[in-house]
Amino acid sequence: MATVYPEVGEIKKKALETFAKEFGGDAGVCVCAPGRVNLIGEHTDYNEGFVLPMALPMVTVIVGSPRSDGATACKIVSLSQAVSAQSVAEFDLASLKPGEPKWANYVKGCIANFPHPLKNGFNAVIVSSVPVGAGLSSSAALEVATMTFLERVSGHTLEKPQDKALQCQKAEHEYANVPCGIMDQFISVMGREGHALLLDCRDLSTKHIPMQQLGDSVFLITNSNAPHKLSSSAFRERRDCCHAAAKLLGKKSLREAQLADLEVLRAKQADEVTIKRARHVITECQRTLDAAASLEANDFARFGRLMNESHDSLRDDYEVSSVELDTLVGLARGVDGVLGSRLTGAGFGGCTVTLLRKDAVDAVIKVIKEKYVSTFA
């Protein structure tokens, strides 16, 4: 039931061998960037709130070399299900525009937003172990790996890690037409082993939260195998609803709101959906701060309770859960040794993240195999 993902070294070896086979030489550059799981703080990033993700050992590797003939054409071979079944993208630096295959738009967007124009095109191979549609940020891993690749082939390194993350976000906005927040790119750029990252999405300040004291506890990620389907329209509806609520309150964002402001919204005749969306964001911002403090205090029982509250709020107030996610969360919570479980990512499919004792992992996998897989296979 548990999936063993390849080590970074295996992915690198596969990418380098493929490059030599496809392009007849050795790749001069090899870079990688990780996917992520958000422990808590969902749909808060575009409300200038707080998020608490951690980087994963699942990565996107890009190997390649600039062309030596002065041409501006680029050719990229992908062996990754995480980007697309279509394995080759070819385009010219002189005429960048979104198109097919869609995964290449993330690469093109990074090239277009890289502050140092490339003189020559390049050949490259992409291999990724970050699953697509699972809410583990395969797109940000591809963007950050691409931006790092561009730094290497151009010889120009972006001055600040924040700059790299922001350029990647802009690439996704402009070339993939996804109005994402900043969390995914930040954790892919700034993730540190053994730490979560508390990110303030208003001033972009960060704090690495140590997790070495987890001891007998671990985080378990469970893929519902139902791709997350929060459409652009559904995402925009929720984002716009939050912005409208903040405007009604006379605030720049819901980050500045308090629970008492929900009564103000009612007095101003906001509809119940707007009030529910605002309530989730307000409570989720505080839960994220409380969760970071709990990690620092090694209070994992409290952290688990906050995860449970987060999922319930996403299900009831933000309405981005699904039958599959609710089932996985319910099954996990019913196993002795589980401290907390919630959906992670945008919702409507994707993954759950569960905090549990190590000795409960097999029991959770067993109950999911027996009761989830048989229902949703």
Protein backbone atom coordinates (compact mmCIF):
# COMPACT_ATOMS: atom_id res chain seq x y z
CA MET A 1 0.00 0.00 0.00
CA ALA A 2 2.83 2.38 0.90
CA THR A 3 4.68 3.76 -2.11
CA VAL A 4 8.46 3.92 -2.08
CA TYR A 5 9.65 6.88 -4.10
CA PRO A 6 13.08 6.83 -5.76
CA GLU A 7 16.00 8.57 -4.12
CA VAL A 8 17.31 11.79 -5.65
CA GLY A 9 20.41 9.94 -6.84
CA GLU A 10 18.29 7.47 -8.82
CA ILE A 11 16.34 10.26 -10.48
CA LYS A 12 19.53 12.13 -11.33
CA LYS A 13 21.09 8.99 -12.84
CA LYS A 14 18.03 8.38 -15.00
CA ALA A 15 17.98 12.00 -16.19
CA LEU A 16 21.69 12.03 -17.05
CA GLU A 17 21.48 8.73 -18.94
CA THR A 18 18.48 9.95 -20.90
CA PHE A 19 20.23 13.21 -21.79
CA ALA A 20 23.27 11.36 -23.13
CA LYS A 21 21.01 9.09 -25.20
CA GLU A 22 18.82 11.90 -26.57
CA PHE A 23 21.44 14.59 -27.18
CA GLY A 24 24.67 12.66 -27.69
CA GLY A 25 26.72 14.16 -24.89
CA ASP A 26 26.95 14.80 -21.17
CA ALA A 27 24.71 17.34 -19.45
CA GLY A 28 26.64 20.26 -18.01
CA VAL A 29 24.04 21.24 -15.42
CA CYS A 30 22.01 19.23 -12.90
CA VAL A 31 19.55 20.85 -10.48
CA CYS A 32 16.54 19.81 -8.43
CA ALA A 33 13.69 21.28 -6.38
CA PRO A 34 11.32 19.58 -3.92
CA GLY A 35 7.59 19.20 -3.70
CA ARG A 36 5.90 20.08 -0.44
CA VAL A 37 3.15 19.18 1.97
CA ASN A 38 1.32 21.92 3.81
CA LEU A 39 0.94 20.89 7.45
CA ILE A 40 -1.62 23.60 8.19
CA GLY A 41 -2.68 27.00 6.84
CA GLU A 42 -4.87 26.32 3.82
CA HIS A 43 -6.29 29.06 1.56
CA THR A 44 -4.66 31.66 3.78
CA ASP A 45 -1.77 32.64 1.51
CA TYR A 46 -3.79 34.83 -0.85
CA ASN A 47 -5.40 36.41 2.20
CA GLU A 48 -2.02 37.62 3.50
CA GLY A 49 -2.17 35.03 6.27
CA PHE A 50 0.19 32.35 7.58
CA VAL A 51 1.12 28.93 6.20
CA LEU A 52 3.24 26.10 7.62
CA PRO A 53 4.53 23.77 4.86
CA MET A 54 7.51 21.45 4.80
CA ALA A 55 9.58 20.28 1.85
CA LEU A 56 9.38 16.63 0.75
CA PRO A 57 12.05 14.20 -0.44
CA MET A 58 10.08 13.92 -3.69
CA VAL A 59 11.81 16.17 -6.23
CA THR A 60 11.93 17.40 -9.80
CA VAL A 61 15.35 17.05 -11.44
CA ILE A 62 16.42 18.95 -14.55
CA VAL A 63 19.67 18.19 -16.37
CA GLY A 64 20.85 19.94 -19.51
CA SER A 65 23.27 22.16 -21.36
CA PRO A 66 23.10 25.38 -23.36
CA ARG A 67 23.34 25.00 -27.11
CA SER A 68 26.82 25.54 -28.52
CA ASP A 69 25.70 26.60 -32.00
CA GLY A 70 24.23 29.96 -30.99
CA ALA A 71 20.68 28.89 -31.83
CA THR A 72 17.81 30.02 -29.62
CA ALA A 73 15.76 26.83 -29.99
CA CYS A 74 15.05 24.75 -26.89
CA LYS A 75 14.20 21.06 -26.65
CA ILE A 76 13.06 19.42 -23.42
CA VAL A 77 12.43 15.71 -22.93
CA SER A 78 10.26 14.73 -19.96
CA LEU A 79 10.11 11.28 -18.42
CA SER A 80 7.75 12.44 -15.69
CA GLN A 81 4.13 11.56 -15.21
CA ALA A 82 4.18 14.60 -12.95
CA VAL A 83 4.33 16.90 -15.93
CA SER A 84 2.52 15.18 -18.80
CA ALA A 85 2.18 12.08 -20.91
CA GLN A 86 3.53 14.13 -23.82
CA SER A 87 7.26 13.76 -23.42
CA VAL A 88 8.83 16.40 -25.67
CA ALA A 89 8.50 20.19 -25.86
CA GLU A 90 10.25 22.35 -28.45
CA PHE A 91 10.10 26.13 -28.62
CA ASP A 92 12.24 29.17 -29.45
CA LEU A 93 13.39 31.82 -27.00
CA ALA A 94 12.56 34.47 -29.59
CA SER A 95 8.84 33.62 -29.61
CA LEU A 96 7.79 32.47 -26.16
CA LYS A 97 4.06 32.04 -25.64
CA PRO A 98 1.79 29.62 -23.81
CA GLY A 99 0.75 26.54 -25.76
CA GLU A 100 0.98 22.76 -25.82
CA PRO A 101 2.14 20.72 -24.02
CA LYS A 102 0.76 22.59 -21.02
CA TRP A 103 3.54 21.55 -18.64
CA ALA A 104 6.02 23.46 -20.82
CA ASN A 105 4.16 26.70 -20.03
CA TYR A 106 5.64 26.62 -16.53
CA VAL A 107 9.12 26.40 -18.06
CA LYS A 108 8.39 29.13 -20.61
CA GLY A 109 6.99 31.39 -17.89
CA CYS A 110 10.18 31.03 -15.87
CA ILE A 111 12.31 31.87 -18.93
CA ALA A 112 10.14 34.92 -19.68
CA ASN A 113 10.48 36.16 -16.09
CA PHE A 114 14.15 35.37 -15.60
CA PRO A 115 15.80 38.80 -15.21
CA HIS A 116 18.86 37.92 -17.31
CA PRO A 117 17.89 37.09 -20.93
CA LEU A 118 19.40 33.88 -22.25
CA LYS A 119 21.72 34.24 -25.23
CA ASN A 120 21.41 30.65 -26.39
CA GLY A 121 18.74 27.99 -26.31
CA PHE A 122 19.26 24.74 -24.42
CA ASN A 123 18.55 21.03 -24.37
CA ALA A 124 17.25 19.45 -21.18
CA VAL A 125 15.67 16.40 -19.58
CA ILE A 126 13.14 16.54 -16.74
CA VAL A 127 12.47 13.67 -14.34
CA SER A 128 10.20 14.06 -11.32
CA SER A 129 8.97 11.94 -8.41
CA VAL A 130 6.41 14.56 -7.31
CA PRO A 131 2.96 13.13 -8.19
CA VAL A 132 0.73 15.33 -10.32
CA GLY A 133 -2.71 16.37 -9.08
CA ALA A 134 -1.99 15.27 -5.51
CA GLY A 135 -1.73 18.73 -3.95
CA LEU A 136 2.00 18.27 -3.32
CA SER A 137 3.03 21.12 -5.61
CA SER A 138 4.51 19.45 -8.67
CA SER A 139 4.11 22.75 -10.53
CA ALA A 140 6.18 24.78 -8.05
CA ALA A 141 8.86 22.09 -8.02
CA LEU A 142 9.06 22.34 -11.81
CA GLU A 143 9.19 26.15 -11.68
CA VAL A 144 11.88 26.34 -9.00
CA ALA A 145 13.97 23.65 -10.69
CA THR A 146 13.65 25.56 -13.97
CA MET A 147 14.63 28.88 -12.41
CA THR A 148 17.65 27.23 -10.75
CA PHE A 149 18.59 25.65 -14.08
CA LEU A 150 18.43 29.07 -15.74
CA GLU A 151 20.70 30.51 -13.05
CA ARG A 152 23.29 27.84 -13.81
CA VAL A 153 23.22 28.02 -17.60
CA SER A 154 23.24 31.84 -17.62
CA GLY A 155 25.81 32.33 -14.86
CA HIS A 156 23.49 34.82 -13.12
CA THR A 157 22.15 33.94 -9.66
CA LEU A 158 19.14 35.80 -8.33
CA GLU A 159 20.20 37.93 -5.38
CA LYS A 160 17.60 36.71 -2.86
CA PRO A 161 15.73 33.41 -2.47
CA GLN A 162 12.53 35.44 -2.20
CA ASP A 163 13.18 36.89 -5.66
CA LYS A 164 13.35 33.40 -7.16
CA ALA A 165 10.07 32.40 -5.49
CA LEU A 166 8.30 35.55 -6.65
CA GLN A 167 9.47 35.15 -10.25
CA CYS A 168 8.22 31.55 -10.23
CA GLN A 169 4.84 32.67 -8.91
CA LYS A 170 4.64 35.30 -11.66
CA ALA A 171 5.45 32.63 -14.24
CA GLU A 172 2.51 30.52 -13.04
CA HIS A 173 0.17 33.53 -13.10
CA GLU A 174 1.14 34.65 -16.58
CA TYR A 175 1.88 31.45 -18.50
CA ALA A 176 -0.21 28.79 -16.73
CA ASN A 177 -3.04 31.20 -15.90
CA VAL A 178 -3.23 29.93 -12.31
CA PRO A 179 -3.74 32.69 -9.70
CA CYS A 180 -1.72 30.84 -7.03
CA GLY A 181 -0.45 32.23 -3.76
CA ILE A 182 3.22 32.32 -2.82
CA MET A 183 3.51 29.38 -0.41
CA ASP A 184 4.45 26.61 -2.85
CA GLN A 185 7.31 28.47 -4.48
CA PHE A 186 8.67 29.73 -1.14
CA ILE A 187 8.91 26.29 0.46
CA SER A 188 10.42 24.76 -2.69
CA VAL A 189 13.10 27.46 -2.68
CA MET A 190 13.67 27.75 1.08
CA GLY A 191 12.83 24.32 2.49
CA ARG A 192 15.29 22.92 5.03
CA GLU A 193 15.57 19.27 6.04
CA GLY A 194 14.05 18.54 9.44
CA HIS A 195 12.13 21.83 9.54
CA ALA A 196 8.76 23.26 8.67
CA LEU A 197 8.61 26.81 7.31
CA LEU A 198 6.32 29.38 8.89
CA LEU A 199 5.66 31.95 6.18
CA ASP A 200 3.95 35.28 6.70
CA CYS A 201 2.31 35.87 3.34
CA ARG A 202 1.92 39.60 4.00
CA ASP A 203 5.52 40.66 4.55
CA LEU A 204 7.08 37.39 3.24
CA SER A 205 9.08 36.89 6.43
CA THR A 206 9.95 33.29 7.26
CA LYS A 207 10.90 31.21 10.27
CA HIS A 208 12.23 27.67 10.14
CA ILE A 209 10.49 25.55 12.80
CA PRO A 210 12.60 22.56 13.94
CA MET A 211 10.90 19.16 13.87
CA GLN A 212 13.74 16.98 15.09
CA GLN A 213 11.88 16.37 18.36
CA LEU A 214 9.02 14.49 16.71
CA GLY A 215 10.57 11.36 18.23
CA ASP A 216 8.07 8.53 17.94
CA SER A 217 5.71 10.57 15.73
CA VAL A 218 5.73 11.00 11.96
CA PHE A 219 3.69 12.68 9.24
CA LEU A 220 1.97 10.28 6.86
CA ILE A 221 0.83 11.51 3.44
CA THR A 222 -2.02 9.56 1.86
CA ASN A 223 -2.96 10.07 -1.78
CA SER A 224 -6.69 9.77 -2.42
CA ASN A 225 -5.85 9.08 -6.09
CA ALA A 226 -8.62 11.52 -6.89
CA PRO A 227 -6.78 14.40 -8.62
CA HIS A 228 -7.48 17.71 -6.94
CA LYS A 229 -10.05 19.44 -9.10
CA LEU A 230 -10.40 22.90 -7.62
CA SER A 231 -11.03 24.58 -10.96
CA SER A 232 -9.77 28.03 -11.75
CA SER A 233 -13.33 29.33 -11.51
CA ALA A 234 -13.94 27.71 -8.09
CA PHE A 235 -10.60 29.03 -6.84
CA ARG A 236 -11.36 32.53 -8.08
CA GLU A 237 -14.84 32.44 -6.52
CA ARG A 238 -13.36 31.73 -3.11
CA ARG A 239 -10.55 34.21 -3.51
CA ASP A 240 -12.91 36.93 -4.71
CA CYS A 241 -15.33 36.14 -1.88
CA CYS A 242 -12.54 36.69 0.65
CA HIS A 243 -11.48 39.94 -0.98
CA ALA A 244 -15.09 41.14 -1.00
CA ALA A 245 -15.43 40.33 2.71
CA ALA A 246 -12.28 42.29 3.50
CA LYS A 247 -13.58 45.23 1.47
CA LEU A 248 -16.88 45.19 3.37
CA LEU A 249 -14.90 45.33 6.60
CA GLY A 250 -12.71 48.17 5.35
CA LYS A 251 -9.60 46.04 5.66
CA LYS A 252 -6.79 45.32 3.23
CA SER A 253 -7.19 41.58 3.73
CA LEU A 254 -8.85 39.06 6.02
CA ARG A 255 -5.49 38.73 7.77
CA GLU A 256 -6.53 41.88 9.65
CA ALA A 257 -9.97 40.54 10.64
CA GLN A 258 -11.09 39.03 13.94
CA LEU A 259 -13.94 36.66 14.74
CA ALA A 260 -15.98 39.61 16.00
CA ASP A 261 -15.91 40.97 12.45
CA LEU A 262 -18.23 38.18 11.36
CA GLU A 263 -21.04 40.03 13.14
CA VAL A 264 -20.05 43.16 11.25
CA LEU A 265 -20.42 41.23 7.99
CA ARG A 266 -23.87 40.06 9.07
CA ALA A 267 -24.85 43.62 9.95
CA LYS A 268 -23.76 44.66 6.46
CA GLN A 269 -25.96 41.92 5.01
CA ALA A 270 -23.17 39.72 3.70
CA ASP A 271 -24.50 36.37 2.57
CA GLU A 272 -23.86 33.23 4.60
CA VAL A 273 -21.32 31.86 2.10
CA THR A 274 -19.17 34.99 2.48
CA ILE A 275 -19.36 34.71 6.27
CA LYS A 276 -18.33 31.05 6.17
CA ARG A 277 -15.39 31.76 3.87
CA ALA A 278 -14.23 34.60 6.13
CA ARG A 279 -14.60 32.46 9.25
CA HIS A 280 -12.35 29.80 7.81
CA VAL A 281 -9.60 32.26 6.90
CA ILE A 282 -9.73 34.07 10.25
CA THR A 283 -9.61 30.88 12.31
CA GLU A 284 -7.07 29.17 10.04
CA CYS A 285 -4.61 32.05 10.39
CA GLN A 286 -4.72 31.72 14.17
CA ARG A 287 -4.55 27.92 14.01
CA THR A 288 -1.38 28.15 11.94
CA LEU A 289 0.35 30.38 14.47
CA ASP A 290 -0.81 28.11 17.28
CA ALA A 291 0.44 25.07 15.37
CA ALA A 292 3.91 26.56 14.87
CA ALA A 293 4.06 27.34 18.60
CA SER A 294 2.97 23.78 19.36
CA LEU A 295 5.78 22.35 17.21
CA GLU A 296 8.31 24.56 18.96
CA ALA A 297 6.98 23.41 22.35
CA ASN A 298 6.94 19.74 21.24
CA ASP A 299 3.21 19.68 22.01
CA PHE A 300 2.22 17.27 19.26
CA ALA A 301 -1.15 16.40 20.79
CA ARG A 302 -2.19 20.04 20.44
CA PHE A 303 -0.77 20.16 16.91
CA GLY A 304 -2.93 17.17 16.01
CA ARG A 305 -6.07 18.79 17.42
CA LEU A 306 -5.37 21.88 15.34
CA MET A 307 -5.01 19.73 12.22
CA ASN A 308 -8.43 18.22 12.93
CA GLU A 309 -9.98 21.66 13.38
CA SER A 310 -8.39 22.81 10.13
CA HIS A 311 -9.88 19.95 8.13
CA ASP A 312 -13.32 20.45 9.63
CA SER A 313 -13.20 24.13 8.73
CA LEU A 314 -12.09 23.39 5.16
CA ARG A 315 -14.92 20.89 4.85
CA ASP A 316 -17.71 22.94 6.43
CA ASP A 317 -16.81 26.61 5.92
CA TYR A 318 -14.55 26.69 2.87
CA GLU A 319 -16.21 23.69 1.25
CA VAL A 320 -13.16 22.34 -0.56
CA SER A 321 -13.09 18.80 0.78
CA SER A 322 -14.49 15.73 -0.98
CA VAL A 323 -16.00 12.36 -0.11
CA GLU A 324 -12.62 10.74 -0.71
CA LEU A 325 -10.71 13.14 1.52
CA ASP A 326 -13.32 13.03 4.29
CA THR A 327 -13.23 9.23 4.19
CA LEU A 328 -9.43 9.09 4.46
CA VAL A 329 -9.43 11.57 7.33
CA GLY A 330 -12.20 9.71 9.16
CA LEU A 331 -10.49 6.35 8.78
CA ALA A 332 -7.17 7.72 10.04
CA ARG A 333 -8.73 9.46 13.03
CA GLY A 334 -10.34 6.20 14.08
CA VAL A 335 -6.98 4.46 14.60
CA ASP A 336 -5.36 4.53 18.02
CA GLY A 337 -2.14 6.53 17.91
CA VAL A 338 -3.34 9.08 15.36
CA LEU A 339 -3.03 12.62 16.70
CA GLY A 340 -4.62 14.52 13.81
CA SER A 341 -5.49 14.31 10.12
CA ARG A 342 -6.53 16.82 7.48
CA LEU A 343 -6.65 17.43 3.75
CA THR A 344 -3.64 19.23 2.38
CA GLY A 345 -3.45 21.42 -0.70
CA ALA A 346 -6.24 23.25 -2.45
CA GLY A 347 -8.79 20.48 -1.91
CA PHE A 348 -11.41 18.61 -3.98
CA GLY A 349 -9.06 15.64 -4.12
CA GLY A 350 -5.34 15.15 -3.70
CA CYS A 351 -3.78 14.12 -0.41
CA THR A 352 -4.30 14.06 3.31
CA VAL A 353 -1.57 14.55 5.91
CA THR A 354 -1.75 12.72 9.23
CA LEU A 355 0.32 13.12 12.39
CA LEU A 356 0.63 9.79 14.19
CA ARG A 357 2.87 7.57 16.25
CA LYS A 358 5.25 5.43 14.23
CA ASP A 359 3.73 2.28 15.71
CA ALA A 360 0.32 3.27 14.27
CA VAL A 361 1.47 3.61 10.64
CA ASP A 362 0.85 -0.01 9.68
CA ALA A 363 -2.60 0.05 11.29
CA VAL A 364 -3.61 3.16 9.35
CA ILE A 365 -2.37 1.69 6.08
CA LYS A 366 -4.24 -1.54 6.81
CA VAL A 367 -7.58 0.16 7.52
CA ILE A 368 -7.24 2.38 4.44
CA LYS A 369 -6.45 -0.64 2.28
CA GLU A 370 -9.45 -2.52 3.65
CA LYS A 371 -12.04 0.24 3.76
CA TYR A 372 -10.94 2.96 1.34
CA VAL A 373 -9.38 1.14 -1.57
CA SER A 374 -12.25 -1.34 -1.75
CA THR A 375 -14.73 1.55 -1.96
CA PHE A 376 -12.94 3.97 -4.28
CA ALA A 377 -10.73 1.67 -6.38
